[in-house]
């Protein structure tokens, strides 16, 4: 029997790395460093993509993992999980459109959607780590 227990840690690490890369990319573009911004944002995309592959692989083999917390933590967990899940689906096409506009040099249009993409993507990355902590660390 294969042990898949390392995957939640890998997934949380990838989500955390994505969040840090997103913040770094935002700081870099605010300072006018387009080349570094581009490299860091592509790294964020790569990290998030690796997360998605790892997440799908893990849950294909393990299935659902049930939250074990009780009391007030249950509605808190499910509120975070539901918002995270919905926005995780929404963010994928937004990232693709944002990236496509940047790669085509349509920077005005890129900025217009990036204003929405950045905070939503950051939220999804950070709440992914929170879900991991609540599911695998805090309420075990």
N, C-alpha and C. Protein backbone atom coordinates (compact mmCIF):
# COMPACT_ATOMS: atom_id res chain seq x y z
N UNK A 1 0.84 -1.18 0.00
CA UNK A 1 0.00 0.00 0.00
C UNK A 1 0.89 1.25 0.00
N UNK A 2 0.57 2.20 -0.85
CA UNK A 2 1.37 3.41 -0.98
C UNK A 2 0.98 4.42 0.09
N UNK A 3 1.99 5.11 0.62
CA UNK A 3 1.76 6.14 1.64
C UNK A 3 1.68 7.50 0.95
N UNK A 4 0.53 8.14 1.04
CA UNK A 4 0.30 9.44 0.41
C UNK A 4 0.35 10.58 1.42
N UNK A 5 0.77 10.30 2.64
CA UNK A 5 0.68 11.28 3.72
C UNK A 5 1.56 12.52 3.51
N UNK A 6 2.55 12.45 2.66
CA UNK A 6 3.42 13.61 2.41
C UNK A 6 2.73 14.66 1.53
N UNK A 7 1.74 14.24 0.78
CA UNK A 7 1.11 15.15 -0.19
C UNK A 7 0.45 16.38 0.42
N UNK A 8 -0.27 16.27 1.53
CA UNK A 8 -0.82 17.51 2.10
C UNK A 8 0.25 18.54 2.46
N UNK A 9 1.38 18.09 2.97
CA UNK A 9 2.48 19.01 3.30
C UNK A 9 3.04 19.64 2.02
N UNK A 10 3.22 18.82 1.00
CA UNK A 10 3.71 19.34 -0.29
C UNK A 10 2.74 20.37 -0.83
N UNK A 11 1.44 20.05 -0.78
CA UNK A 11 0.43 20.96 -1.32
C UNK A 11 0.39 22.28 -0.55
N UNK A 12 0.48 22.21 0.77
CA UNK A 12 0.48 23.44 1.58
C UNK A 12 1.74 24.26 1.30
N UNK A 13 2.86 23.59 1.13
CA UNK A 13 4.11 24.28 0.82
C UNK A 13 4.01 24.98 -0.54
N UNK A 14 3.46 24.29 -1.52
CA UNK A 14 3.29 24.90 -2.85
C UNK A 14 2.33 26.09 -2.79
N UNK A 15 1.25 25.98 -2.03
CA UNK A 15 0.33 27.11 -1.87
C UNK A 15 1.01 28.28 -1.18
N UNK A 16 1.76 27.99 -0.12
CA UNK A 16 2.49 29.05 0.58
C UNK A 16 3.51 29.72 -0.31
N UNK A 17 4.23 28.91 -1.08
CA UNK A 17 5.22 29.46 -2.02
C UNK A 17 4.54 30.34 -3.06
N UNK A 18 3.38 29.90 -3.56
CA UNK A 18 2.64 30.70 -4.53
C UNK A 18 2.27 32.05 -3.94
N UNK A 19 1.79 32.05 -2.70
CA UNK A 19 1.42 33.30 -2.04
C UNK A 19 2.62 34.24 -1.93
N UNK A 20 3.76 33.70 -1.51
CA UNK A 20 4.96 34.54 -1.40
C UNK A 20 5.42 35.07 -2.75
N UNK A 21 5.34 34.24 -3.77
CA UNK A 21 5.72 34.67 -5.12
C UNK A 21 4.76 35.74 -5.63
N UNK A 22 3.48 35.60 -5.36
CA UNK A 22 2.50 36.60 -5.79
C UNK A 22 2.79 37.95 -5.14
N UNK A 23 3.05 37.94 -3.85
CA UNK A 23 3.36 39.19 -3.14
C UNK A 23 4.65 39.79 -3.69
N UNK A 24 5.65 38.96 -3.91
CA UNK A 24 6.92 39.43 -4.47
C UNK A 24 6.71 40.03 -5.85
N UNK A 25 5.92 39.37 -6.68
CA UNK A 25 5.63 39.88 -8.02
C UNK A 25 4.93 41.22 -7.98
N UNK A 26 4.00 41.37 -7.03
CA UNK A 26 3.28 42.64 -6.89
C UNK A 26 4.23 43.76 -6.48
N UNK A 27 5.13 43.48 -5.56
CA UNK A 27 6.11 44.47 -5.12
C UNK A 27 7.03 44.85 -6.28
N UNK A 28 7.46 43.86 -7.04
CA UNK A 28 8.37 44.12 -8.15
C UNK A 28 7.73 45.02 -9.21
N UNK A 29 6.48 44.77 -9.57
CA UNK A 29 5.85 45.59 -10.60
C UNK A 29 5.57 46.99 -10.07
N UNK A 30 5.28 47.10 -8.77
CA UNK A 30 5.08 48.42 -8.17
C UNK A 30 6.36 49.25 -8.23
N UNK A 31 7.49 48.57 -8.20
CA UNK A 31 8.80 49.24 -8.30
C UNK A 31 9.24 49.43 -9.75
N UNK A 32 8.42 48.95 -10.68
CA UNK A 32 8.72 49.13 -12.10
C UNK A 32 9.66 48.10 -12.69
N UNK A 33 9.92 47.03 -11.99
CA UNK A 33 10.83 46.00 -12.48
C UNK A 33 10.03 44.93 -13.24
N UNK A 34 9.74 45.22 -14.51
CA UNK A 34 8.91 44.32 -15.33
C UNK A 34 9.54 42.94 -15.53
N UNK A 35 10.84 42.91 -15.80
CA UNK A 35 11.48 41.62 -16.09
C UNK A 35 11.42 40.69 -14.88
N UNK A 36 11.73 41.21 -13.71
CA UNK A 36 11.68 40.39 -12.50
C UNK A 36 10.23 40.02 -12.17
N UNK A 37 9.31 40.97 -12.37
CA UNK A 37 7.88 40.69 -12.15
C UNK A 37 7.44 39.52 -13.01
N UNK A 38 7.80 39.58 -14.28
CA UNK A 38 7.42 38.50 -15.21
C UNK A 38 7.97 37.16 -14.74
N UNK A 39 9.24 37.11 -14.38
CA UNK A 39 9.86 35.85 -13.94
C UNK A 39 9.19 35.31 -12.69
N UNK A 40 8.91 36.18 -11.74
CA UNK A 40 8.31 35.74 -10.48
C UNK A 40 6.87 35.29 -10.69
N UNK A 41 6.13 36.00 -11.54
CA UNK A 41 4.75 35.61 -11.78
C UNK A 41 4.67 34.29 -12.54
N UNK A 42 5.60 34.06 -13.45
CA UNK A 42 5.65 32.76 -14.13
C UNK A 42 6.00 31.66 -13.13
N UNK A 43 6.86 31.97 -12.17
CA UNK A 43 7.18 31.00 -11.12
C UNK A 43 5.93 30.73 -10.26
N UNK A 44 5.16 31.77 -9.97
CA UNK A 44 3.91 31.59 -9.21
C UNK A 44 2.95 30.69 -9.99
N UNK A 45 2.86 30.92 -11.29
CA UNK A 45 2.01 30.08 -12.13
C UNK A 45 2.49 28.63 -12.11
N UNK A 46 3.78 28.44 -12.23
CA UNK A 46 4.34 27.09 -12.19
C UNK A 46 4.10 26.40 -10.86
N UNK A 47 4.28 27.15 -9.78
CA UNK A 47 4.06 26.59 -8.44
C UNK A 47 2.60 26.23 -8.24
N UNK A 48 1.71 27.11 -8.66
CA UNK A 48 0.27 26.82 -8.54
C UNK A 48 -0.13 25.64 -9.41
N UNK A 49 0.47 25.53 -10.58
CA UNK A 49 0.18 24.40 -11.47
C UNK A 49 0.65 23.08 -10.87
N UNK A 50 1.85 23.10 -10.29
CA UNK A 50 2.35 21.91 -9.59
C UNK A 50 1.43 21.54 -8.44
N UNK A 51 0.97 22.55 -7.70
CA UNK A 51 0.01 22.30 -6.63
C UNK A 51 -1.22 21.57 -7.17
N UNK A 52 -1.80 22.09 -8.25
CA UNK A 52 -3.02 21.50 -8.79
C UNK A 52 -2.82 20.04 -9.18
N UNK A 53 -1.72 19.75 -9.84
CA UNK A 53 -1.42 18.37 -10.24
C UNK A 53 -1.27 17.49 -8.99
N UNK A 54 -0.52 17.96 -8.01
CA UNK A 54 -0.30 17.19 -6.78
C UNK A 54 -1.60 16.99 -6.01
N UNK A 55 -2.40 18.04 -5.93
CA UNK A 55 -3.69 17.98 -5.23
C UNK A 55 -4.62 16.95 -5.87
N UNK A 56 -4.74 17.01 -7.19
CA UNK A 56 -5.61 16.07 -7.90
C UNK A 56 -5.11 14.64 -7.76
N UNK A 57 -3.80 14.44 -7.86
CA UNK A 57 -3.21 13.10 -7.70
C UNK A 57 -3.52 12.55 -6.31
N UNK A 58 -3.29 13.38 -5.29
CA UNK A 58 -3.53 12.95 -3.91
C UNK A 58 -4.99 12.56 -3.70
N UNK A 59 -5.91 13.44 -4.09
CA UNK A 59 -7.32 13.16 -3.82
C UNK A 59 -7.88 12.05 -4.73
N UNK A 60 -7.28 11.81 -5.87
CA UNK A 60 -7.66 10.68 -6.70
C UNK A 60 -7.38 9.37 -5.95
N UNK A 61 -6.26 9.35 -5.25
CA UNK A 61 -5.85 8.13 -4.54
C UNK A 61 -6.43 8.03 -3.13
N UNK A 62 -6.65 9.14 -2.47
CA UNK A 62 -7.07 9.12 -1.07
C UNK A 62 -8.57 9.40 -0.90
N UNK A 63 -9.13 10.18 -1.81
CA UNK A 63 -10.53 10.58 -1.67
C UNK A 63 -10.67 11.78 -0.77
N UNK A 64 -11.87 11.96 -0.24
CA UNK A 64 -12.14 13.09 0.63
C UNK A 64 -11.53 12.87 2.00
N UNK A 65 -11.13 13.95 2.62
CA UNK A 65 -10.62 13.92 3.99
C UNK A 65 -11.61 14.73 4.82
N UNK A 66 -12.14 14.13 5.87
CA UNK A 66 -13.19 14.76 6.66
C UNK A 66 -12.60 15.63 7.77
N UNK A 67 -13.20 16.79 7.97
CA UNK A 67 -12.79 17.71 9.02
C UNK A 67 -13.22 17.14 10.37
N UNK A 68 -12.32 17.15 11.34
CA UNK A 68 -12.60 16.54 12.64
C UNK A 68 -12.89 17.55 13.75
N UNK A 69 -12.82 18.83 13.42
CA UNK A 69 -13.10 19.84 14.43
C UNK A 69 -14.56 19.84 14.83
N UNK A 70 -14.84 20.42 15.99
CA UNK A 70 -16.21 20.49 16.50
C UNK A 70 -16.53 21.92 16.93
N UNK A 71 -17.78 22.14 17.23
CA UNK A 71 -18.21 23.44 17.73
C UNK A 71 -18.08 24.54 16.70
N UNK A 72 -17.64 25.73 17.14
CA UNK A 72 -17.55 26.90 16.28
C UNK A 72 -16.54 26.74 15.15
N UNK A 73 -15.62 25.77 15.30
CA UNK A 73 -14.61 25.60 14.25
C UNK A 73 -15.19 25.01 12.97
N UNK A 74 -16.27 24.25 13.10
CA UNK A 74 -16.87 23.64 11.90
C UNK A 74 -17.41 24.69 10.93
N UNK A 75 -18.27 25.62 11.36
CA UNK A 75 -18.73 26.62 10.40
C UNK A 75 -17.59 27.50 9.89
N UNK A 76 -16.61 27.78 10.74
CA UNK A 76 -15.45 28.56 10.29
C UNK A 76 -14.71 27.82 9.18
N UNK A 77 -14.41 26.54 9.43
CA UNK A 77 -13.69 25.72 8.44
C UNK A 77 -14.47 25.66 7.13
N UNK A 78 -15.76 25.36 7.20
CA UNK A 78 -16.53 25.20 5.97
C UNK A 78 -16.74 26.52 5.24
N UNK A 79 -16.79 27.63 5.94
CA UNK A 79 -16.85 28.93 5.29
C UNK A 79 -15.57 29.19 4.50
N UNK A 80 -14.44 28.92 5.14
CA UNK A 80 -13.15 29.09 4.46
C UNK A 80 -13.05 28.13 3.28
N UNK A 81 -13.41 26.86 3.51
CA UNK A 81 -13.31 25.84 2.46
C UNK A 81 -14.19 26.18 1.26
N UNK A 82 -15.42 26.57 1.51
CA UNK A 82 -16.34 26.86 0.40
C UNK A 82 -15.86 28.06 -0.40
N UNK A 83 -15.46 29.13 0.29
CA UNK A 83 -14.97 30.31 -0.44
C UNK A 83 -13.69 29.97 -1.20
N UNK A 84 -12.82 29.19 -0.57
CA UNK A 84 -11.57 28.77 -1.22
C UNK A 84 -11.86 27.95 -2.48
N UNK A 85 -12.76 27.00 -2.37
CA UNK A 85 -13.07 26.10 -3.49
C UNK A 85 -13.70 26.85 -4.66
N UNK A 86 -14.68 27.70 -4.37
CA UNK A 86 -15.32 28.47 -5.43
C UNK A 86 -14.32 29.37 -6.13
N UNK A 87 -13.53 30.08 -5.34
CA UNK A 87 -12.55 31.01 -5.95
C UNK A 87 -11.41 30.26 -6.65
N UNK A 88 -11.09 29.05 -6.19
CA UNK A 88 -10.06 28.25 -6.87
C UNK A 88 -10.50 27.90 -8.28
N UNK A 89 -11.80 27.66 -8.46
CA UNK A 89 -12.33 27.39 -9.80
C UNK A 89 -12.36 28.66 -10.64
N UNK A 90 -12.78 29.75 -10.03
CA UNK A 90 -12.89 31.04 -10.73
C UNK A 90 -11.52 31.56 -11.16
N UNK A 91 -10.51 31.34 -10.33
CA UNK A 91 -9.20 31.95 -10.58
C UNK A 91 -8.48 31.36 -11.78
N UNK A 92 -8.74 30.12 -12.11
CA UNK A 92 -8.01 29.48 -13.22
C UNK A 92 -8.19 30.25 -14.54
N UNK A 93 -9.41 30.49 -15.01
CA UNK A 93 -9.53 31.25 -16.25
C UNK A 93 -9.04 32.70 -16.11
N UNK A 94 -9.18 33.26 -14.91
CA UNK A 94 -8.70 34.63 -14.70
C UNK A 94 -7.17 34.70 -14.87
N UNK A 95 -6.48 33.72 -14.31
CA UNK A 95 -5.01 33.69 -14.44
C UNK A 95 -4.63 33.53 -15.91
N UNK A 96 -5.33 32.66 -16.62
CA UNK A 96 -5.03 32.44 -18.03
C UNK A 96 -5.22 33.72 -18.84
N UNK A 97 -6.32 34.43 -18.61
CA UNK A 97 -6.58 35.68 -19.33
C UNK A 97 -5.54 36.74 -18.95
N UNK A 98 -5.24 36.85 -17.67
CA UNK A 98 -4.25 37.82 -17.20
C UNK A 98 -2.89 37.55 -17.84
N UNK A 99 -2.49 36.30 -17.84
CA UNK A 99 -1.21 35.91 -18.44
C UNK A 99 -1.21 36.18 -19.95
N UNK A 100 -2.28 35.79 -20.63
CA UNK A 100 -2.35 35.98 -22.08
C UNK A 100 -2.23 37.45 -22.45
N UNK A 101 -2.88 38.31 -21.70
CA UNK A 101 -2.80 39.75 -21.98
C UNK A 101 -1.39 40.29 -21.77
N UNK A 102 -0.72 39.81 -20.75
CA UNK A 102 0.65 40.24 -20.50
C UNK A 102 1.58 39.75 -21.62
N UNK A 103 1.43 38.49 -22.00
CA UNK A 103 2.31 37.92 -23.03
C UNK A 103 2.09 38.58 -24.39
N UNK A 104 0.87 39.09 -24.63
CA UNK A 104 0.58 39.80 -25.89
C UNK A 104 0.98 41.27 -25.83
N UNK A 105 1.47 41.70 -24.67
CA UNK A 105 1.86 43.09 -24.51
C UNK A 105 0.68 44.04 -24.33
N UNK A 106 -0.47 43.51 -24.00
CA UNK A 106 -1.68 44.32 -23.77
C UNK A 106 -1.71 44.73 -22.29
N UNK A 107 -0.77 45.61 -21.91
CA UNK A 107 -0.55 45.87 -20.50
C UNK A 107 -1.69 46.64 -19.83
N UNK A 108 -2.37 47.51 -20.56
CA UNK A 108 -3.53 48.19 -19.96
C UNK A 108 -4.62 47.17 -19.63
N UNK A 109 -4.89 46.28 -20.56
CA UNK A 109 -5.91 45.24 -20.33
C UNK A 109 -5.42 44.24 -19.27
N UNK A 110 -4.11 43.95 -19.27
CA UNK A 110 -3.52 43.07 -18.26
C UNK A 110 -3.73 43.66 -16.86
N UNK A 111 -3.40 44.94 -16.71
CA UNK A 111 -3.56 45.59 -15.40
C UNK A 111 -5.03 45.61 -14.96
N UNK A 112 -5.93 45.81 -15.91
CA UNK A 112 -7.35 45.89 -15.58
C UNK A 112 -7.85 44.59 -14.93
N UNK A 113 -7.43 43.46 -15.44
CA UNK A 113 -7.87 42.19 -14.85
C UNK A 113 -6.96 41.75 -13.70
N UNK A 114 -5.69 42.13 -13.76
CA UNK A 114 -4.75 41.74 -12.69
C UNK A 114 -5.17 42.35 -11.36
N UNK A 115 -5.84 43.50 -11.40
CA UNK A 115 -6.34 44.12 -10.16
C UNK A 115 -7.30 43.20 -9.42
N UNK A 116 -7.98 42.33 -10.15
CA UNK A 116 -8.89 41.35 -9.56
C UNK A 116 -8.20 40.00 -9.37
N UNK A 117 -7.39 39.62 -10.34
CA UNK A 117 -6.73 38.32 -10.29
C UNK A 117 -5.79 38.21 -9.10
N UNK A 118 -4.97 39.23 -8.89
CA UNK A 118 -3.98 39.18 -7.81
C UNK A 118 -4.61 38.90 -6.44
N UNK A 119 -5.58 39.70 -5.97
CA UNK A 119 -6.10 39.42 -4.62
C UNK A 119 -6.85 38.09 -4.52
N UNK A 120 -7.54 37.71 -5.58
CA UNK A 120 -8.27 36.43 -5.53
C UNK A 120 -7.30 35.26 -5.52
N UNK A 121 -6.27 35.33 -6.36
CA UNK A 121 -5.26 34.26 -6.40
C UNK A 121 -4.53 34.18 -5.06
N UNK A 122 -4.20 35.33 -4.50
CA UNK A 122 -3.54 35.36 -3.19
C UNK A 122 -4.45 34.75 -2.12
N UNK A 123 -5.72 35.11 -2.16
CA UNK A 123 -6.69 34.55 -1.20
C UNK A 123 -6.76 33.03 -1.31
N UNK A 124 -6.82 32.53 -2.53
CA UNK A 124 -6.88 31.08 -2.75
C UNK A 124 -5.61 30.40 -2.22
N UNK A 125 -4.47 30.99 -2.46
CA UNK A 125 -3.21 30.41 -1.99
C UNK A 125 -3.13 30.40 -0.46
N UNK A 126 -3.48 31.51 0.16
CA UNK A 126 -3.40 31.61 1.62
C UNK A 126 -4.45 30.72 2.29
N UNK A 127 -5.67 30.73 1.78
CA UNK A 127 -6.69 29.87 2.39
C UNK A 127 -6.40 28.39 2.16
N UNK A 128 -5.67 28.07 1.10
CA UNK A 128 -5.23 26.69 0.91
C UNK A 128 -4.35 26.23 2.06
N UNK A 129 -3.47 27.10 2.51
CA UNK A 129 -2.61 26.79 3.65
C UNK A 129 -3.45 26.69 4.93
N UNK A 130 -4.40 27.59 5.10
CA UNK A 130 -5.28 27.56 6.28
C UNK A 130 -6.09 26.27 6.32
N UNK A 131 -6.64 25.87 5.18
CA UNK A 131 -7.40 24.61 5.12
C UNK A 131 -6.50 23.44 5.51
N UNK A 132 -5.29 23.43 4.99
CA UNK A 132 -4.33 22.37 5.36
C UNK A 132 -4.11 22.34 6.87
N UNK A 133 -3.83 23.52 7.45
CA UNK A 133 -3.56 23.57 8.88
C UNK A 133 -4.77 23.08 9.69
N UNK A 134 -5.94 23.50 9.30
CA UNK A 134 -7.15 23.09 10.03
C UNK A 134 -7.46 21.61 9.85
N UNK A 135 -7.17 21.08 8.69
CA UNK A 135 -7.52 19.71 8.37
C UNK A 135 -6.48 18.70 8.86
N UNK A 136 -5.19 19.06 8.78
CA UNK A 136 -4.12 18.09 9.04
C UNK A 136 -3.25 18.40 10.26
N UNK A 137 -3.40 19.61 10.84
CA UNK A 137 -2.51 19.96 11.94
C UNK A 137 -3.24 20.34 13.23
N UNK A 138 -4.21 21.23 13.13
CA UNK A 138 -4.82 21.78 14.33
C UNK A 138 -5.86 20.85 14.93
N UNK A 139 -6.74 20.31 14.09
CA UNK A 139 -7.88 19.52 14.58
C UNK A 139 -7.71 18.05 14.24
N UNK A 140 -6.56 17.51 14.53
CA UNK A 140 -6.27 16.11 14.21
C UNK A 140 -6.65 15.23 15.37
